[in-house]
Amino acid sequence: MALTLEQYADSYLPARGLPWPAAPMVKLAKAKPFLHTLPVKAVMWNVYGTLLAIPQGEILFEHEHSFVTDNAFEKTIQEFNMWNSMSRKPGAPAAYMREMFTKALTNLRMMGSGGEKFPEVQSERIWEDIVKKLMQKEYVFDTNVYGAIGEFVKKIAYFYHASIQGVGAYLGAAETVQMLADAGVPSGLLADGQCFTPAQIHKTFREQDANFDVNLAFPVALRVMSTDKKAKKPSETIFKAALAVCASRGWKPSEVLHVGSNVVRDIAPAKKHGFLTALFAGDKQSLVATSEHLKEPQFRPDVLVTELPQVLEIIGYGKE
């Protein structure tokens, strides 16, 4: 049976012993927690910059330093044995792969908006375009390991992005989500992310808790992600989808806490749609909130946390 994306990220690749970029060091922001109990029935989490630390605070399609991107292309070509099916153009293999990648990315950006003000590009579709071109030149891959092409390209996407950006879970992330579940407060995702984002959560959280299972902690039915909706925050599309998910569970938005680190993309639109809001101000690199922002009612969160376990205080965990 082919590997799931979670198995590929958490077991298969680590066993290979390949070098990867390190997760970014957390830089504490100058902030004090502002906490009080709220009537919370569920928590919807932002991912990057809130649960997971990542350079620049979000997924990049190409690194700001071209040599890092070129190295990721070289690793990807070698890992998936692509070179024999690539055109023998002058120059390094990475240069040709960059050309293919940029063309596919540009085409998807041009055709994918559909009137959406904040469109999202699905990373696996870039690699699907590339792989299909390679298959015209007799490229093959091991379906027993990677699955059919739809699953294969997701694994390539994970590998490529893991090669340009290191990712790590914030301190206490796995424990907080588990303790919320123990208290009867389920967690979901309301976030910008790619097909491999749950696999990144799975891998990094298991480094904190070996028994963590992303599919139990964040049920698929409670995931509202930009890659599925083809829209990024602060799009109305993604927040209206979150409202529909909550309604299907019988939750009013005023009973659901959205935790994020960006007052423009997380807090303001969540407040607009009636959600309770918590600003995570535990990392200077991901925090987007100025003193001027916080003076404005539309940007001001209901609570402010500097460490993820403080979310437990908000739901009244441990109080009689």
C-alpha atoms as a PDB file:
ATOM      1  CA  MET A   1       0.000   0.000   0.000  1.00  0.00           C
ATOM      2  CA  ALA A   2       1.297   3.470  -0.907  1.00  0.00           C
ATOM      3  CA  LEU A   3       2.421   5.820   1.836  1.00  0.00           C
ATOM      4  CA  THR A   4       0.049   8.469   3.091  1.00  0.00           C
ATOM      5  CA  LEU A   5       1.374  12.014   3.027  1.00  0.00           C
ATOM      6  CA  GLU A   6       1.668  11.914   6.828  1.00  0.00           C
ATOM      7  CA  GLN A   7       3.668   8.660   6.703  1.00  0.00           C
ATOM      8  CA  TYR A   8       5.877  10.079   3.983  1.00  0.00           C
ATOM      9  CA  ALA A   9       6.643  13.205   6.040  1.00  0.00           C
ATOM     10  CA  ASP A  10       6.948  11.618   9.474  1.00  0.00           C
ATOM     11  CA  SER A  11       8.563   8.235   8.763  1.00  0.00           C
ATOM     12  CA  TYR A  12       9.816   7.719   5.229  1.00  0.00           C
ATOM     13  CA  LEU A  13      11.780  10.931   4.688  1.00  0.00           C
ATOM     14  CA  PRO A  14      13.325  11.171   8.188  1.00  0.00           C
ATOM     15  CA  ALA A  15      14.659   7.626   7.717  1.00  0.00           C
ATOM     16  CA  ARG A  16      16.499   8.818   4.599  1.00  0.00           C
ATOM     17  CA  GLY A  17      18.787  11.038   6.670  1.00  0.00           C
ATOM     18  CA  LEU A  18      18.667  13.939   4.201  1.00  0.00           C
ATOM     19  CA  PRO A  19      19.677  17.461   5.299  1.00  0.00           C
ATOM     20  CA  TRP A  20      16.827  19.940   5.792  1.00  0.00           C
ATOM     21  CA  PRO A  21      16.622  23.639   6.678  1.00  0.00           C
ATOM     22  CA  ALA A  22      16.203  24.142  10.413  1.00  0.00           C
ATOM     23  CA  ALA A  23      13.036  25.613  11.873  1.00  0.00           C
ATOM     24  CA  PRO A  24      13.425  29.342  12.582  1.00  0.00           C
ATOM     25  CA  MET A  25      14.408  30.493  16.045  1.00  0.00           C
ATOM     26  CA  VAL A  26      11.505  32.065  17.906  1.00  0.00           C
ATOM     27  CA  LYS A  27      12.046  35.735  18.758  1.00  0.00           C
ATOM     28  CA  LEU A  28       9.843  36.826  21.620  1.00  0.00           C
ATOM     29  CA  ALA A  29       7.708  39.874  20.993  1.00  0.00           C
ATOM     30  CA  LYS A  30       7.290  42.664  23.522  1.00  0.00           C
ATOM     31  CA  ALA A  31       3.775  41.788  24.569  1.00  0.00           C
ATOM     32  CA  LYS A  32       1.846  40.941  27.715  1.00  0.00           C
ATOM     33  CA  PRO A  33      -0.968  38.416  27.751  1.00  0.00           C
ATOM     34  CA  PHE A  34      -4.512  39.682  28.122  1.00  0.00           C
ATOM     35  CA  LEU A  35      -6.678  36.776  29.206  1.00  0.00           C
ATOM     36  CA  HIS A  36     -10.197  36.155  30.417  1.00  0.00           C
ATOM     37  CA  THR A  37     -12.661  33.295  30.119  1.00  0.00           C
ATOM     38  CA  LEU A  38     -14.779  33.139  26.984  1.00  0.00           C
ATOM     39  CA  PRO A  39     -17.736  30.862  26.091  1.00  0.00           C
ATOM     40  CA  VAL A  40     -15.750  28.677  23.684  1.00  0.00           C
ATOM     41  CA  LYS A  41     -17.136  25.470  22.169  1.00  0.00           C
ATOM     42  CA  ALA A  42     -14.404  25.032  19.540  1.00  0.00           C
ATOM     43  CA  VAL A  43     -11.093  26.558  18.491  1.00  0.00           C
ATOM     44  CA  MET A  44     -10.208  27.251  14.855  1.00  0.00           C
ATOM     45  CA  TRP A  45      -6.462  27.721  14.441  1.00  0.00           C
ATOM     46  CA  ASN A  46      -4.349  29.596  11.987  1.00  0.00           C
ATOM     47  CA  VAL A  47      -1.305  27.443  11.139  1.00  0.00           C
ATOM     48  CA  TYR A  48       1.805  29.291   9.964  1.00  0.00           C
ATOM     49  CA  GLY A  49       2.966  31.820  12.518  1.00  0.00           C
ATOM     50  CA  THR A  50       0.480  30.490  15.088  1.00  0.00           C
ATOM     51  CA  LEU A  51       0.889  26.719  15.440  1.00  0.00           C
ATOM     52  CA  LEU A  52       3.979  26.377  13.258  1.00  0.00           C
ATOM     53  CA  ALA A  53       7.005  28.650  13.075  1.00  0.00           C
ATOM     54  CA  ILE A  54       8.182  29.178   9.508  1.00  0.00           C
ATOM     55  CA  PRO A  55      10.519  31.764   7.929  1.00  0.00           C
ATOM     56  CA  GLN A  56       8.644  34.835   6.634  1.00  0.00           C
ATOM     57  CA  GLY A  57       5.539  33.565   8.451  1.00  0.00           C
ATOM     58  CA  GLU A  58       3.977  31.873   5.417  1.00  0.00           C
ATOM     59  CA  ILE A  59       4.565  29.255   2.727  1.00  0.00           C
ATOM     60  CA  LEU A  60       6.778  30.491  -0.108  1.00  0.00           C
ATOM     61  CA  PHE A  61       6.737  29.104  -3.632  1.00  0.00           C
ATOM     62  CA  GLU A  62      10.281  30.332  -4.178  1.00  0.00           C
ATOM     63  CA  HIS A  63      12.855  31.379  -1.589  1.00  0.00           C
ATOM     64  CA  GLU A  64      13.997  34.993  -1.461  1.00  0.00           C
ATOM     65  CA  HIS A  65      17.552  33.779  -2.124  1.00  0.00           C
ATOM     66  CA  SER A  66      17.716  32.128  -5.544  1.00  0.00           C
ATOM     67  CA  PHE A  67      20.508  29.741  -4.564  1.00  0.00           C
ATOM     68  CA  VAL A  68      18.230  28.172  -1.933  1.00  0.00           C
ATOM     69  CA  THR A  69      15.508  27.629  -4.528  1.00  0.00           C
ATOM     70  CA  ASP A  70      18.024  26.206  -6.999  1.00  0.00           C
ATOM     71  CA  ASN A  71      19.311  23.815  -4.345  1.00  0.00           C
ATOM     72  CA  ALA A  72      15.724  22.694  -3.649  1.00  0.00           C
ATOM     73  CA  PHE A  73      15.181  22.067  -7.363  1.00  0.00           C
ATOM     74  CA  GLU A  74      18.415  20.044  -7.533  1.00  0.00           C
ATOM     75  CA  LYS A  75      17.350  17.949  -4.519  1.00  0.00           C
ATOM     76  CA  THR A  76      13.904  17.366  -6.017  1.00  0.00           C
ATOM     77  CA  ILE A  77      15.299  16.307  -9.399  1.00  0.00           C
ATOM     78  CA  GLN A  78      17.663  13.857  -7.722  1.00  0.00           C
ATOM     79  CA  GLU A  79      15.157  12.518  -5.169  1.00  0.00           C
ATOM     80  CA  PHE A  80      12.522  11.690  -7.777  1.00  0.00           C
ATOM     81  CA  ASN A  81      14.902  10.659 -10.583  1.00  0.00           C
ATOM     82  CA  MET A  82      13.631  13.289 -12.999  1.00  0.00           C
ATOM     83  CA  TRP A  83      16.764  14.184 -14.947  1.00  0.00           C
ATOM     84  CA  ASN A  84      16.593  11.399 -17.528  1.00  0.00           C
ATOM     85  CA  SER A  85      13.193  12.682 -18.672  1.00  0.00           C
ATOM     86  CA  MET A  86      14.188  16.355 -18.763  1.00  0.00           C
ATOM     87  CA  SER A  87      15.294  18.104 -21.958  1.00  0.00           C
ATOM     88  CA  ARG A  88      19.045  18.337 -22.304  1.00  0.00           C
ATOM     89  CA  LYS A  89      19.196  22.110 -22.531  1.00  0.00           C
ATOM     90  CA  PRO A  90      22.468  23.921 -21.828  1.00  0.00           C
ATOM     91  CA  GLY A  91      22.933  24.852 -18.200  1.00  0.00           C
ATOM     92  CA  ALA A  92      22.282  23.262 -14.820  1.00  0.00           C
ATOM     93  CA  PRO A  93      19.259  20.971 -14.293  1.00  0.00           C
ATOM     94  CA  ALA A  94      17.948  23.397 -11.655  1.00  0.00           C
ATOM     95  CA  ALA A  95      17.774  26.177 -14.241  1.00  0.00           C
ATOM     96  CA  TYR A  96      15.556  24.089 -16.503  1.00  0.00           C
ATOM     97  CA  MET A  97      13.387  22.991 -13.565  1.00  0.00           C
ATOM     98  CA  ARG A  98      13.029  26.632 -12.494  1.00  0.00           C
ATOM     99  CA  GLU A  99      11.803  27.448 -16.006  1.00  0.00           C
ATOM    100  CA  MET A 100       9.189  24.678 -15.862  1.00  0.00           C
ATOM    101  CA  PHE A 101       8.143  25.612 -12.325  1.00  0.00           C
ATOM    102  CA  THR A 102       7.823  29.339 -13.057  1.00  0.00           C
ATOM    103  CA  LYS A 103       5.791  28.707 -16.190  1.00  0.00           C
ATOM    104  CA  ALA A 104       3.376  26.386 -14.377  1.00  0.00           C
ATOM    105  CA  LEU A 105       3.064  28.764 -11.401  1.00  0.00           C
ATOM    106  CA  THR A 106       2.441  31.769 -13.657  1.00  0.00           C
ATOM    107  CA  ASN A 107      -0.217  29.927 -15.658  1.00  0.00           C
ATOM    108  CA  LEU A 108      -2.018  28.829 -12.512  1.00  0.00           C
ATOM    109  CA  ARG A 109      -1.976  32.363 -11.127  1.00  0.00           C
ATOM    110  CA  MET A 110      -3.394  33.745 -14.366  1.00  0.00           C
ATOM    111  CA  MET A 111      -6.210  31.208 -14.677  1.00  0.00           C
ATOM    112  CA  GLY A 112      -6.985  30.515 -11.039  1.00  0.00           C
ATOM    113  CA  SER A 113      -8.470  33.722  -9.658  1.00  0.00           C
ATOM    114  CA  GLY A 114     -12.008  33.365 -11.033  1.00  0.00           C
ATOM    115  CA  GLY A 115     -12.816  36.794  -9.663  1.00  0.00           C
ATOM    116  CA  GLU A 116     -11.374  35.931  -6.243  1.00  0.00           C
ATOM    117  CA  LYS A 117      -9.640  38.961  -4.732  1.00  0.00           C
ATOM    118  CA  PHE A 118      -7.168  36.816  -2.778  1.00  0.00           C
ATOM    119  CA  PRO A 119      -6.577  33.685  -4.909  1.00  0.00           C
ATOM    120  CA  GLU A 120      -4.521  30.713  -3.728  1.00  0.00           C
ATOM    121  CA  VAL A 121      -2.372  28.507  -5.962  1.00  0.00           C
ATOM    122  CA  GLN A 122      -2.333  24.786  -5.205  1.00  0.00           C
ATOM    123  CA  SER A 123       1.292  23.684  -5.050  1.00  0.00           C
ATOM    124  CA  GLU A 124       0.566  20.123  -6.155  1.00  0.00           C
ATOM    125  CA  ARG A 125      -0.916  21.404  -9.420  1.00  0.00           C
ATOM    126  CA  ILE A 126       2.433  22.977 -10.297  1.00  0.00           C
ATOM    127  CA  TRP A 127       4.109  19.618  -9.866  1.00  0.00           C
ATOM    128  CA  GLU A 128       1.318  17.802 -11.664  1.00  0.00           C
ATOM    129  CA  ASP A 129       1.963  20.002 -14.693  1.00  0.00           C
ATOM    130  CA  ILE A 130       5.698  19.242 -14.514  1.00  0.00           C
ATOM    131  CA  VAL A 131       5.280  15.498 -13.984  1.00  0.00           C
ATOM    132  CA  LYS A 132       2.841  15.163 -16.891  1.00  0.00           C
ATOM    133  CA  LYS A 133       5.376  16.866 -19.151  1.00  0.00           C
ATOM    134  CA  LEU A 134       8.071  14.463 -17.929  1.00  0.00           C
ATOM    135  CA  MET A 135       5.783  11.481 -18.521  1.00  0.00           C
ATOM    136  CA  GLN A 136       5.683  12.431 -22.203  1.00  0.00           C
ATOM    137  CA  LYS A 137       9.371  11.470 -22.155  1.00  0.00           C
ATOM    138  CA  GLU A 138       8.873   8.097 -20.467  1.00  0.00           C
ATOM    139  CA  TYR A 139       9.135   9.306 -16.876  1.00  0.00           C
ATOM    140  CA  VAL A 140       7.908   6.716 -14.363  1.00  0.00           C
ATOM    141  CA  PHE A 141       7.623   6.610 -10.576  1.00  0.00           C
ATOM    142  CA  ASP A 142       6.994   3.935  -7.976  1.00  0.00           C
ATOM    143  CA  THR A 143       3.240   3.861  -7.364  1.00  0.00           C
ATOM    144  CA  ASN A 144       3.727   1.272  -4.609  1.00  0.00           C
ATOM    145  CA  VAL A 145       5.547   3.920  -2.559  1.00  0.00           C
ATOM    146  CA  TYR A 146       4.048   7.180  -3.789  1.00  0.00           C
ATOM    147  CA  GLY A 147       0.580   6.220  -4.977  1.00  0.00           C
ATOM    148  CA  ALA A 148      -1.122   7.396  -8.168  1.00  0.00           C
ATOM    149  CA  ILE A 149      -0.111  10.691  -9.749  1.00  0.00           C
ATOM    150  CA  GLY A 150      -2.512  12.737  -7.614  1.00  0.00           C
ATOM    151  CA  GLU A 151      -0.832  11.511  -4.430  1.00  0.00           C
ATOM    152  CA  PHE A 152       2.656  11.500  -5.948  1.00  0.00           C
ATOM    153  CA  VAL A 153       2.631  15.219  -6.783  1.00  0.00           C
ATOM    154  CA  LYS A 154       1.565  16.067  -3.235  1.00  0.00           C
ATOM    155  CA  LYS A 155       4.653  14.279  -1.949  1.00  0.00           C
ATOM    156  CA  ILE A 156       6.844  16.172  -4.400  1.00  0.00           C
ATOM    157  CA  ALA A 157       5.257  19.416  -3.196  1.00  0.00           C
ATOM    158  CA  TYR A 158       5.996  18.493   0.416  1.00  0.00           C
ATOM    159  CA  PHE A 159       9.603  17.602  -0.417  1.00  0.00           C
ATOM    160  CA  TYR A 160      10.238  20.774  -2.407  1.00  0.00           C
ATOM    161  CA  HIS A 161       8.753  23.123   0.173  1.00  0.00           C
ATOM    162  CA  ALA A 162      10.529  21.324   3.026  1.00  0.00           C
ATOM    163  CA  SER A 163      13.741  21.993   1.099  1.00  0.00           C
ATOM    164  CA  ILE A 164      13.300  25.778   1.066  1.00  0.00           C
ATOM    165  CA  GLN A 165      11.679  26.442   4.449  1.00  0.00           C
ATOM    166  CA  GLY A 166      12.295  24.831   7.818  1.00  0.00           C
ATOM    167  CA  VAL A 167       9.189  24.377   9.957  1.00  0.00           C
ATOM    168  CA  GLY A 168       8.719  23.673  13.668  1.00  0.00           C
ATOM    169  CA  ALA A 169       5.825  23.571  16.120  1.00  0.00           C
ATOM    170  CA  TYR A 170       5.659  26.330  18.707  1.00  0.00           C
ATOM    171  CA  LEU A 171       6.301  25.317  22.292  1.00  0.00           C
ATOM    172  CA  GLY A 172       3.308  23.609  23.864  1.00  0.00           C
ATOM    173  CA  ALA A 173       1.364  23.304  20.599  1.00  0.00           C
ATOM    174  CA  ALA A 174       0.666  19.559  20.735  1.00  0.00           C
ATOM    175  CA  GLU A 175      -0.114  19.614  24.454  1.00  0.00           C
ATOM    176  CA  THR A 176      -2.516  22.531  24.082  1.00  0.00           C
ATOM    177  CA  VAL A 177      -4.513  20.900  21.287  1.00  0.00           C
ATOM    178  CA  GLN A 178      -4.682  17.607  23.191  1.00  0.00           C
ATOM    179  CA  MET A 179      -5.794  19.264  26.425  1.00  0.00           C
ATOM    180  CA  LEU A 180      -8.477  21.175  24.556  1.00  0.00           C
ATOM    181  CA  ALA A 181      -9.764  17.869  23.231  1.00  0.00           C
ATOM    182  CA  ASP A 182      -9.679  16.388  26.733  1.00  0.00           C
ATOM    183  CA  ALA A 183     -11.828  19.303  27.863  1.00  0.00           C
ATOM    184  CA  GLY A 184     -14.354  18.594  25.131  1.00  0.00           C
ATOM    185  CA  VAL A 185     -13.292  21.549  22.964  1.00  0.00           C
ATOM    186  CA  PRO A 186     -12.451  20.355  19.433  1.00  0.00           C
ATOM    187  CA  SER A 187      -9.850  22.027  17.259  1.00  0.00           C
ATOM    188  CA  GLY A 188     -10.106  22.891  13.583  1.00  0.00           C
ATOM    189  CA  LEU A 189      -8.061  24.797  11.043  1.00  0.00           C
ATOM    190  CA  LEU A 190      -8.978  28.157   9.523  1.00  0.00           C
ATOM    191  CA  ALA A 191      -5.799  28.923   7.696  1.00  0.00           C
ATOM    192  CA  ASP A 192      -3.763  29.584   4.616  1.00  0.00           C
ATOM    193  CA  GLY A 193      -2.001  26.360   3.730  1.00  0.00           C
ATOM    194  CA  GLN A 194      -1.178  23.761   1.121  1.00  0.00           C
ATOM    195  CA  CYS A 195      -2.057  20.088   0.639  1.00  0.00           C
ATOM    196  CA  PHE A 196       0.920  19.127   2.802  1.00  0.00           C
ATOM    197  CA  THR A 197       0.135  21.467   5.707  1.00  0.00           C
ATOM    198  CA  PRO A 198      -1.607  18.757   7.814  1.00  0.00           C
ATOM    199  CA  ALA A 199       1.422  16.509   7.213  1.00  0.00           C
ATOM    200  CA  GLN A 200       3.712  19.265   8.489  1.00  0.00           C
ATOM    201  CA  ILE A 201       1.541  19.597  11.587  1.00  0.00           C
ATOM    202  CA  HIS A 202       1.596  15.818  12.043  1.00  0.00           C
ATOM    203  CA  LYS A 203       5.386  15.582  11.804  1.00  0.00           C
ATOM    204  CA  THR A 204       6.275  18.584  13.962  1.00  0.00           C
ATOM    205  CA  PHE A 205       3.651  17.880  16.654  1.00  0.00           C
ATOM    206  CA  ARG A 206       4.860  14.280  16.933  1.00  0.00           C
ATOM    207  CA  GLU A 207       8.252  15.703  17.859  1.00  0.00           C
ATOM    208  CA  GLN A 208       6.470  17.038  20.962  1.00  0.00           C
ATOM    209  CA  ASP A 209       4.084  14.096  21.435  1.00  0.00           C
ATOM    210  CA  ALA A 210       4.906  10.752  19.801  1.00  0.00           C
ATOM    211  CA  ASN A 211       1.230   9.705  19.942  1.00  0.00           C
ATOM    212  CA  PHE A 212      -0.125  12.766  18.154  1.00  0.00           C
ATOM    213  CA  ASP A 213      -2.382  12.074  15.170  1.00  0.00           C
ATOM    214  CA  VAL A 214      -3.320  15.043  13.024  1.00  0.00           C
ATOM    215  CA  ASN A 215      -6.466  13.352  11.734  1.00  0.00           C
ATOM    216  CA  LEU A 216      -7.795  12.863  15.250  1.00  0.00           C
ATOM    217  CA  ALA A 217      -6.701  16.269  16.549  1.00  0.00           C
ATOM    218  CA  PHE A 218      -7.870  18.243  13.513  1.00  0.00           C
ATOM    219  CA  PRO A 219     -10.693  16.278  11.830  1.00  0.00           C
ATOM    220  CA  VAL A 220     -10.890  16.791   8.077  1.00  0.00           C
ATOM    221  CA  ALA A 221     -14.434  18.115   8.455  1.00  0.00           C
ATOM    222  CA  LEU A 222     -13.092  20.942  10.645  1.00  0.00           C
ATOM    223  CA  ARG A 223     -10.385  22.081   8.232  1.00  0.00           C
ATOM    224  CA  VAL A 224     -11.031  25.234   6.239  1.00  0.00           C
ATOM    225  CA  MET A 225      -7.897  25.871   4.230  1.00  0.00           C
ATOM    226  CA  SER A 226      -6.915  28.172   1.399  1.00  0.00           C
ATOM    227  CA  THR A 227      -5.702  25.324  -0.805  1.00  0.00           C
ATOM    228  CA  ASP A 228      -9.161  23.730  -0.778  1.00  0.00           C
ATOM    229  CA  LYS A 229     -11.103  26.969  -1.206  1.00  0.00           C
ATOM    230  CA  LYS A 230      -8.602  28.475  -3.699  1.00  0.00           C
ATOM    231  CA  ALA A 231      -8.751  31.657  -1.659  1.00  0.00           C
ATOM    232  CA  LYS A 232      -6.385  33.098   0.939  1.00  0.00           C
ATOM    233  CA  LYS A 233      -7.088  35.147   4.018  1.00  0.00           C
ATOM    234  CA  PRO A 234      -8.617  37.665   4.452  1.00  0.00           C
ATOM    235  CA  SER A 235     -10.946  36.484   1.674  1.00  0.00           C
ATOM    236  CA  GLU A 236     -14.654  36.372   2.366  1.00  0.00           C
ATOM    237  CA  THR A 237     -14.646  32.939   0.727  1.00  0.00           C
ATOM    238  CA  ILE A 238     -12.585  31.231   3.400  1.00  0.00           C
ATOM    239  CA  PHE A 239     -14.358  32.846   6.367  1.00  0.00           C
ATOM    240  CA  LYS A 240     -17.827  32.128   4.968  1.00  0.00           C
ATOM    241  CA  ALA A 241     -16.746  28.514   4.535  1.00  0.00           C
ATOM    242  CA  ALA A 242     -15.716  28.483   8.208  1.00  0.00           C
ATOM    243  CA  LEU A 243     -19.152  29.809   9.178  1.00  0.00           C
ATOM    244  CA  ALA A 244     -20.761  26.951   7.238  1.00  0.00           C
ATOM    245  CA  VAL A 245     -18.574  24.370   9.006  1.00  0.00           C
ATOM    246  CA  CYS A 246     -19.506  25.811  12.390  1.00  0.00           C
ATOM    247  CA  ALA A 247     -23.198  25.887  11.504  1.00  0.00           C
ATOM    248  CA  SER A 248     -23.045  22.208  10.532  1.00  0.00           C
ATOM    249  CA  ARG A 249     -21.905  21.452  14.081  1.00  0.00           C
ATOM    250  CA  GLY A 250     -24.502  23.701  15.676  1.00  0.00           C
ATOM    251  CA  TRP A 251     -21.925  26.281  16.787  1.00  0.00           C
ATOM    252  CA  LYS A 252     -22.583  29.974  16.615  1.00  0.00           C
ATOM    253  CA  PRO A 253     -19.504  31.985  15.528  1.00  0.00           C
ATOM    254  CA  SER A 254     -19.687  33.727  18.906  1.00  0.00           C
ATOM    255  CA  GLU A 255     -18.907  30.313  20.451  1.00  0.00           C
ATOM    256  CA  VAL A 256     -15.853  29.636  18.271  1.00  0.00           C
ATOM    257  CA  LEU A 257     -12.415  31.080  19.001  1.00  0.00           C
ATOM    258  CA  HIS A 258     -10.134  31.878  16.076  1.00  0.00           C
ATOM    259  CA  VAL A 259      -6.453  32.037  17.047  1.00  0.00           C
ATOM    260  CA  GLY A 260      -4.087  33.843  14.692  1.00  0.00           C
ATOM    261  CA  SER A 261      -1.015  36.059  14.652  1.00  0.00           C
ATOM    262  CA  ASN A 262      -2.020  38.632  12.041  1.00  0.00           C
ATOM    263  CA  VAL A 263      -4.602  41.278  12.897  1.00  0.00           C
ATOM    264  CA  VAL A 264      -5.255  42.054   9.221  1.00  0.00           C
ATOM    265  CA  ARG A 265      -5.610  38.536   7.842  1.00  0.00           C
ATOM    266  CA  ASP A 266      -6.807  36.679  10.966  1.00  0.00           C
ATOM    267  CA  ILE A 267      -8.352  38.904  13.612  1.00  0.00           C
ATOM    268  CA  ALA A 268     -10.208  41.590  11.633  1.00  0.00           C
ATOM    269  CA  PRO A 269     -12.039  39.251   9.209  1.00  0.00           C
ATOM    270  CA  ALA A 270     -12.809  36.790  12.004  1.00  0.00           C
ATOM    271  CA  LYS A 271     -14.355  39.571  14.095  1.00  0.00           C
ATOM    272  CA  LYS A 272     -16.281  40.786  11.061  1.00  0.00           C
ATOM    273  CA  HIS A 273     -17.886  37.353  10.736  1.00  0.00           C
ATOM    274  CA  GLY A 274     -18.750  37.142  14.430  1.00  0.00           C
ATOM    275  CA  PHE A 275     -15.987  34.849  15.743  1.00  0.00           C
ATOM    276  CA  LEU A 276     -14.256  35.240  19.074  1.00  0.00           C
ATOM    277  CA  THR A 277     -10.602  36.125  18.486  1.00  0.00           C
ATOM    278  CA  ALA A 278      -7.254  35.492  20.132  1.00  0.00           C
ATOM    279  CA  LEU A 279      -4.068  37.133  18.922  1.00  0.00           C
ATOM    280  CA  PHE A 280      -0.975  34.945  19.279  1.00  0.00           C
ATOM    281  CA  ALA A 281       1.881  37.335  20.039  1.00  0.00           C
ATOM    282  CA  GLY A 282       4.496  34.745  20.917  1.00  0.00           C
ATOM    283  CA  ASP A 283       6.842  35.306  17.992  1.00  0.00           C
ATOM    284  CA  LYS A 284       8.059  38.678  16.784  1.00  0.00           C
ATOM    285  CA  GLN A 285       8.690  37.280  13.312  1.00  0.00           C
ATOM    286  CA  SER A 286       5.111  36.197  12.668  1.00  0.00           C
ATOM    287  CA  LEU A 287       3.235  38.833  14.663  1.00  0.00           C
ATOM    288  CA  VAL A 288       1.477  41.458  12.557  1.00  0.00           C
ATOM    289  CA  ALA A 289      -0.041  43.939  14.991  1.00  0.00           C
ATOM    290  CA  THR A 290       1.012  47.485  15.708  1.00  0.00           C
ATOM    291  CA  SER A 291      -0.075  49.721  18.564  1.00  0.00           C
ATOM    292  CA  GLU A 292      -2.023  51.719  15.981  1.00  0.00           C
ATOM    293  CA  HIS A 293      -3.823  48.560  14.868  1.00  0.00           C
ATOM    294  CA  LEU A 294      -4.826  47.671  18.396  1.00  0.00           C
ATOM    295  CA  LYS A 295      -6.395  51.081  18.935  1.00  0.00           C
ATOM    296  CA  GLU A 296      -8.893  50.307  16.188  1.00  0.00           C
ATOM    297  CA  PRO A 297     -11.917  48.192  17.250  1.00  0.00           C
ATOM    298  CA  GLN A 298     -11.922  46.101  14.049  1.00  0.00           C
ATOM    299  CA  PHE A 299      -8.366  44.904  14.725  1.00  0.00           C
ATOM    300  CA  ARG A 300      -8.559  44.501  18.494  1.00  0.00           C
ATOM    301  CA  PRO A 301      -8.722  40.823  19.605  1.00  0.00           C
ATOM    302  CA  ASP A 302     -10.858  39.598  22.482  1.00  0.00           C
ATOM    303  CA  VAL A 303      -7.765  38.129  24.145  1.00  0.00           C
ATOM    304  CA  LEU A 304      -4.003  38.147  23.586  1.00  0.00           C
ATOM    305  CA  VAL A 305      -1.788  35.130  24.253  1.00  0.00           C
ATOM    306  CA  THR A 306       1.995  34.983  24.303  1.00  0.00           C
ATOM    307  CA  GLU A 307       2.190  31.203  24.812  1.00  0.00           C
ATOM    308  CA  LEU A 308      -0.157  28.657  23.258  1.00  0.00           C
ATOM    309  CA  PRO A 309      -1.090  26.907  26.553  1.00  0.00           C
ATOM    310  CA  GLN A 310      -2.705  30.189  27.640  1.00  0.00           C
ATOM    311  CA  VAL A 311      -5.585  29.267  25.324  1.00  0.00           C
ATOM    312  CA  LEU A 312      -6.542  26.731  27.989  1.00  0.00           C
ATOM    313  CA  GLU A 313      -7.134  29.580  30.454  1.00  0.00           C
ATOM    314  CA  ILE A 314      -9.483  31.209  27.967  1.00  0.00           C
ATOM    315  CA  ILE A 315     -11.755  28.157  27.907  1.00  0.00           C
ATOM    316  CA  GLY A 316     -11.601  27.942  31.718  1.00  0.00           C
ATOM    317  CA  TYR A 317      -9.618  24.681  31.731  1.00  0.00           C
ATOM    318  CA  GLY A 318      -9.176  23.365  35.264  1.00  0.00           C
ATOM    319  CA  LYS A 319     -11.697  25.770  36.771  1.00  0.00           C
ATOM    320  CA  GLU A 320     -14.677  24.399  38.582  1.00  0.00           C
END
